[in-house]
Protein backbone atom coordinates (compact mmCIF):
# COMPACT_ATOMS: atom_id res chain seq x y z
CA MET A 1 -9.88 39.20 42.43
CA LEU A 2 -10.77 37.47 39.58
CA GLN A 3 -8.35 33.57 39.66
CA VAL A 4 -7.80 32.31 35.55
CA LEU A 5 -6.94 28.70 35.24
CA SER A 6 -5.96 27.76 31.40
CA TYR A 7 -5.01 23.40 31.26
CA GLN A 8 -3.62 21.70 28.25
CA ILE A 9 -5.86 18.25 28.82
CA ALA A 10 -5.35 17.08 25.45
CA ASP A 11 -4.58 16.37 22.71
CA SER A 12 -7.75 17.65 21.12
CA ILE A 13 -11.56 18.24 22.42
CA ASP A 14 -14.07 17.13 20.70
CA ILE A 15 -15.75 20.66 20.22
CA LYS A 16 -19.12 19.76 18.28
CA SER A 17 -20.04 17.10 20.27
CA PHE A 18 -19.60 18.52 23.85
CA LYS A 19 -21.32 21.28 22.46
CA SER A 20 -24.14 18.99 22.26
CA PHE A 21 -23.34 17.54 24.97
CA PHE A 22 -22.85 20.85 27.67
CA LYS A 23 -25.95 22.72 27.84
CA ALA A 24 -24.57 26.22 30.08
CA GLU A 25 -25.17 28.99 28.80
CA LEU A 26 -23.34 29.41 25.54
CA TYR A 27 -22.13 32.96 24.93
CA HIS A 28 -19.87 32.85 21.48
CA ASN A 29 -18.87 29.70 19.53
CA ASP A 30 -17.38 28.43 16.59
CA ALA A 31 -15.63 25.02 15.09
CA ASP A 32 -13.08 26.69 17.38
CA GLU A 33 -13.93 26.66 20.78
CA LEU A 34 -16.70 27.57 22.92
CA PHE A 35 -17.03 30.45 25.60
CA TYR A 36 -20.00 29.28 28.54
CA LYS A 37 -20.69 32.49 30.46
CA THR A 38 -22.04 29.66 33.81
CA SER A 39 -22.72 32.32 36.34
CA GLN A 40 -22.60 36.14 37.01
CA ASP A 41 -19.33 36.15 37.39
CA GLU A 42 -17.83 32.20 36.04
CA PHE A 43 -16.74 31.23 32.14
CA ILE A 44 -15.57 28.74 30.96
CA TYR A 45 -13.59 28.55 28.04
CA VAL A 46 -13.12 24.73 26.11
CA PHE A 47 -10.55 25.02 22.70
CA LYS A 48 -10.67 21.85 19.87
CA TYR A 49 -6.39 22.07 20.84
CA GLY A 50 -7.15 20.44 23.94
CA ILE A 51 -7.14 23.39 26.51
CA ALA A 52 -10.13 24.13 28.60
CA CYS A 53 -9.38 27.50 30.64
CA PHE A 54 -12.01 28.29 33.80
CA LEU A 55 -12.27 32.32 34.69
CA ASN A 56 -13.40 32.32 39.47
CA TYR A 57 -13.25 28.21 39.34
CA ASN A 58 -12.01 26.75 42.41
CA GLU A 59 -10.20 22.62 42.69
CA THR A 60 -13.31 21.17 43.77
CA GLN A 61 -15.32 22.72 40.64
CA ILE A 62 -11.99 22.50 38.02
CA GLY A 63 -11.83 19.24 38.80
CA GLN A 64 -15.86 18.43 38.32
CA PHE A 65 -15.66 19.62 34.92
CA LEU A 66 -12.65 18.42 33.66
CA GLN A 67 -14.16 14.47 34.46
CA LEU A 68 -17.47 15.66 32.45
CA ILE A 69 -14.90 16.30 29.31
CA ALA A 70 -12.82 14.39 30.07
CA PRO A 71 -14.16 11.67 26.92
CA PHE A 72 -14.83 14.34 25.08
CA CYS A 73 -10.82 13.70 24.22
CA LYS A 74 -8.17 12.19 22.49
CA ASN A 75 -5.29 11.26 23.78
CA LEU A 76 -5.68 13.05 28.08
CA PHE A 77 -3.05 13.85 29.67
CA VAL A 78 -1.87 12.30 33.12
CA GLU A 79 -0.20 14.90 33.79
CA GLN A 80 -1.09 18.62 32.24
CA LEU A 81 0.69 21.66 31.86
CA SER A 82 -1.06 24.58 33.43
CA GLU A 83 -0.55 28.23 33.60
CA GLU A 84 -2.49 30.90 36.27
CA PHE A 85 -3.06 34.65 35.58
CA GLN A 86 -5.01 37.70 37.91
CA ILE A 87 -8.53 40.06 36.88
CA GLU A 88 -8.34 43.01 38.72
CA THR A 89 -10.84 45.19 38.09
CA GLY A 90 -12.04 48.50 39.51
CA ALA A 91 -7.61 50.50 38.58
CA LYS A 92 -8.41 54.51 36.42
CA GLU A 93 -6.63 52.69 34.19
CA TYR A 94 -5.78 49.09 32.23
CA LYS A 95 -2.10 47.55 33.27
CA PHE A 96 -0.41 44.43 32.90
CA GLY A 97 1.80 42.78 35.26
CA TYR A 98 3.55 39.31 35.02
CA ASN A 99 0.94 36.64 36.16
CA LYS A 100 -1.67 40.14 36.57
CA ILE A 101 -3.51 42.68 34.97
CA GLU A 102 -5.72 45.68 35.74
CA ILE A 103 -8.67 46.35 33.95
CA ILE A 104 -11.26 49.38 34.73
CA GLU A 105 -14.93 47.19 34.86
CA ALA A 106 -16.11 43.67 34.02
CA ASP A 107 -16.30 42.81 31.23
CA VAL A 108 -17.73 39.97 29.29
CA GLU A 109 -15.35 40.56 26.19
CA ILE A 110 -12.50 41.57 28.17
CA PHE A 111 -13.09 38.09 30.41
CA ARG A 112 -13.11 36.01 27.01
CA LEU A 113 -10.18 38.20 24.94
CA ILE A 114 -7.81 37.42 28.75
CA MET A 115 -8.84 33.65 28.31
CA LEU A 116 -8.20 33.01 24.55
CA ASN A 117 -4.05 35.17 25.54
CA VAL A 118 -3.77 32.75 28.58
CA SER A 119 -4.96 29.69 27.19
CA GLN A 120 -2.43 31.33 23.88
CA SER A 121 0.42 31.10 26.22
CA VAL A 122 -0.27 27.59 27.66
CA ALA A 123 -0.67 26.52 23.63
CA LEU A 124 2.78 27.21 23.19
CA ASP A 125 3.91 25.40 25.69
CA TYR A 126 2.81 22.20 24.88
CA TYR A 127 3.80 22.37 21.55
CA SER A 128 7.13 23.93 22.46
CA GLN A 129 7.78 21.37 24.34
CA GLN A 130 7.01 18.86 21.47
CA THR A 131 9.42 20.44 19.15
CA ASN A 132 12.12 20.29 21.71
CA LYS A 133 11.51 16.22 22.15
CA LEU A 134 11.74 16.25 18.32
CA LEU A 135 14.69 18.93 18.09
CA GLU A 136 16.79 16.30 20.89
CA GLU A 137 16.04 13.24 18.16
CA THR A 138 16.90 15.45 15.23
CA ASN A 139 20.13 15.67 17.33
CA ASN A 140 21.00 12.27 18.06
CA HIS A 141 20.46 11.13 14.73
CA THR A 142 23.27 13.80 13.28
CA GLN A 143 25.79 13.29 16.88
CA ILE A 144 25.53 9.08 15.52
CA LEU A 145 25.92 10.45 11.34
CA GLU A 146 29.21 11.65 12.86
CA ARG A 147 30.42 10.25 15.07
CA LYS A 148 30.05 6.62 12.45
CA GLY A 149 29.11 8.46 9.13
CA LYS A 150 25.92 7.05 8.41
CA LEU A 151 22.35 7.06 10.26
CA ASP A 152 21.45 4.58 12.68
CA ILE A 153 17.40 5.00 11.09
CA SER A 154 15.22 3.19 9.15
CA GLY A 155 13.80 4.49 5.83
CA THR A 156 10.23 3.72 7.60
CA ASN A 157 11.07 4.87 10.89
CA LEU A 158 12.72 8.41 9.27
CA THR A 159 9.70 8.14 7.33
CA LYS A 160 7.64 8.77 9.68
CA TYR A 161 9.46 10.84 11.73
CA ILE A 162 9.02 14.09 9.48
CA GLY A 163 5.24 12.72 8.90
CA LYS A 164 5.69 13.88 13.26
CA THR A 165 7.94 16.77 11.70
CA LEU A 166 4.50 18.43 9.05
CA TYR A 167 1.60 17.13 11.86
CA LEU A 168 3.18 19.03 14.00
CA LYS A 169 3.82 22.13 12.24
CA ASN A 170 0.60 21.89 10.74
CA ARG A 171 -0.90 21.78 14.10
CA ILE A 172 0.78 24.71 15.43
CA SER A 173 -0.72 27.15 11.94
CA GLU A 174 -4.17 25.20 11.82
CA ASN A 175 -4.60 25.86 16.40
CA LEU A 176 -2.83 29.25 16.62
CA TYR A 177 -3.38 32.87 16.34
CA ILE A 178 -0.50 34.37 17.73
CA PHE A 179 -0.99 37.03 14.81
CA ASP A 180 -4.61 37.13 14.20
CA SER A 181 -6.37 39.01 16.44
CA PRO A 182 -10.41 37.99 17.05
CA ASP A 183 -12.19 40.47 15.00
CA GLU A 184 -13.71 42.23 18.09
CA THR A 185 -10.37 43.93 18.76
CA TRP A 186 -10.23 45.54 15.34
CA GLU A 187 -14.12 47.09 16.37
CA ASN A 188 -12.95 48.53 19.80
CA GLU A 189 -10.10 50.13 20.78
CA ASN A 190 -9.46 48.98 24.57
CA LEU A 191 -10.21 44.72 23.18
CA ASN A 192 -7.17 45.49 21.42
CA LYS A 193 -5.25 47.81 23.27
CA ILE A 194 -5.87 44.90 26.39
CA ASP A 195 -5.06 42.11 22.88
CA VAL A 196 -1.92 43.50 22.24
CA GLY A 197 -0.66 43.88 25.86
CA LEU A 198 -1.08 40.56 27.12
CA LYS A 199 0.56 39.58 23.78
CA ARG A 200 3.31 40.82 24.45
CA THR A 201 3.24 40.31 28.65
CA PHE A 202 3.01 36.48 27.43
CA ASP A 203 6.43 37.58 24.93
CA LEU A 204 3.31 35.32 22.34
CA GLN A 205 4.65 36.27 18.45
CA GLU A 206 7.82 35.20 19.51
CA ARG A 207 7.70 31.45 21.16
CA PHE A 208 6.31 30.98 18.39
CA ARG A 209 8.98 32.36 15.19
CA ASN A 210 11.63 30.20 18.31
CA ILE A 211 9.10 26.59 17.51
CA GLN A 212 8.82 27.52 14.14
CA ASP A 213 12.48 28.50 13.50
CA SER A 214 13.10 25.34 16.22
CA LEU A 215 11.01 23.05 13.71
CA GLY A 216 12.09 24.92 10.14
CA ILE A 217 16.02 22.91 11.81
CA VAL A 218 14.49 20.16 12.36
CA LYS A 219 13.08 20.09 8.82
CA GLU A 220 16.27 21.11 7.70
CA ASN A 221 17.63 18.07 9.63
CA LEU A 222 14.95 15.38 8.10
CA GLU A 223 15.06 16.86 4.11
CA LEU A 224 19.48 16.45 5.09
CA PHE A 225 18.82 12.78 6.68
CA LYS A 226 16.80 11.78 3.94
CA ASP A 227 18.82 12.48 1.19
CA ILE A 228 21.36 9.85 2.13
CA MET A 229 18.60 7.94 2.56
CA GLN A 230 18.09 8.14 -0.86
CA TYR A 231 21.56 8.16 -2.00
CA ARG A 232 22.57 5.16 0.69
CA ASN A 233 19.54 2.91 -1.37
CA SER A 234 20.93 4.10 -4.44
CA ASN A 235 23.84 2.78 -4.13
CA LEU A 236 22.82 -0.42 -2.63
CA LEU A 237 20.87 -0.43 -5.69
CA GLU A 238 23.78 0.11 -7.90
CA TRP A 239 25.73 -2.69 -6.31
CA ILE A 240 22.77 -4.95 -6.64
CA ILE A 241 22.61 -3.51 -10.42
CA ILE A 242 25.94 -4.41 -11.40
CA THR A 243 26.37 -8.11 -8.65
CA LEU A 244 23.59 -9.79 -11.65
CA ILE A 245 25.28 -8.41 -14.24
CA PHE A 246 28.49 -10.06 -13.10
CA VAL A 247 26.61 -13.18 -12.10
CA GLU A 248 24.91 -12.65 -15.63
CA VAL A 249 28.57 -13.09 -17.50
CA LEU A 250 29.71 -15.39 -15.77
CA ASN A 251 27.19 -18.09 -16.08
CA LEU A 252 27.53 -16.61 -19.90
CA PHE A 253 31.47 -17.57 -19.36
CA PHE A 254 30.53 -20.95 -18.21
CA GLU A 255 27.89 -22.12 -20.86
CA LYS A 256 30.99 -21.02 -23.29
CA PHE A 257 33.08 -22.79 -21.96
CA PHE A 258 31.75 -25.69 -20.47
CA LYS A 259 29.42 -27.05 -22.44
CA HIS A 260 31.06 -28.34 -25.33
């Protein structure tokens, strides 16, 4: 039985710099990820969106590697999200369980595909947490609007809030390949079968849609808040103009009747 452990360790990892630093056998790499074969049956998968995934590593080895990669991480997390998954080799056919897959034979490409899907699942957990925080904050402002009839947030904070939402939305779109299977799966029927089965096992597409829907709700509310803020500022500007005109009229009145 082989064990996969995937950790969300930071907001992001400097893939380019770490690639130059870490000299283990690099089996696969691109601008977003590095897949290392560190021994006959040990592998490490590093993703730019802050995830490190291990196959057949013990806790001591994992701890040592996380210390090694820490300087290349942006916003290193104290509390790390993680997910564990089991691989059983020597099965007669491919089978998928709650937290286990049975495969016919050990194969590096199959290992990489499994580690990719486990890591995507951890990333979804992380982005789901971030989205829920935004949604909760939005609901708080909505409740204040309902109770008081006005927003309890400044224009600057609202702009930052909108920026935070768009940034998270863009990161999710850039970093997750939930609907895009690796190129290798198009050329290999077994890899494609495993990829489809893993996506179903982790419920990746449904979880991704839920995050997108929640972000859509947040964005819709923020657009409403922005419109209310603009209307409030417009009214304030109108009253300022009216006040200035009134002052000017009074000034003219005093000049005409009291200076003669």
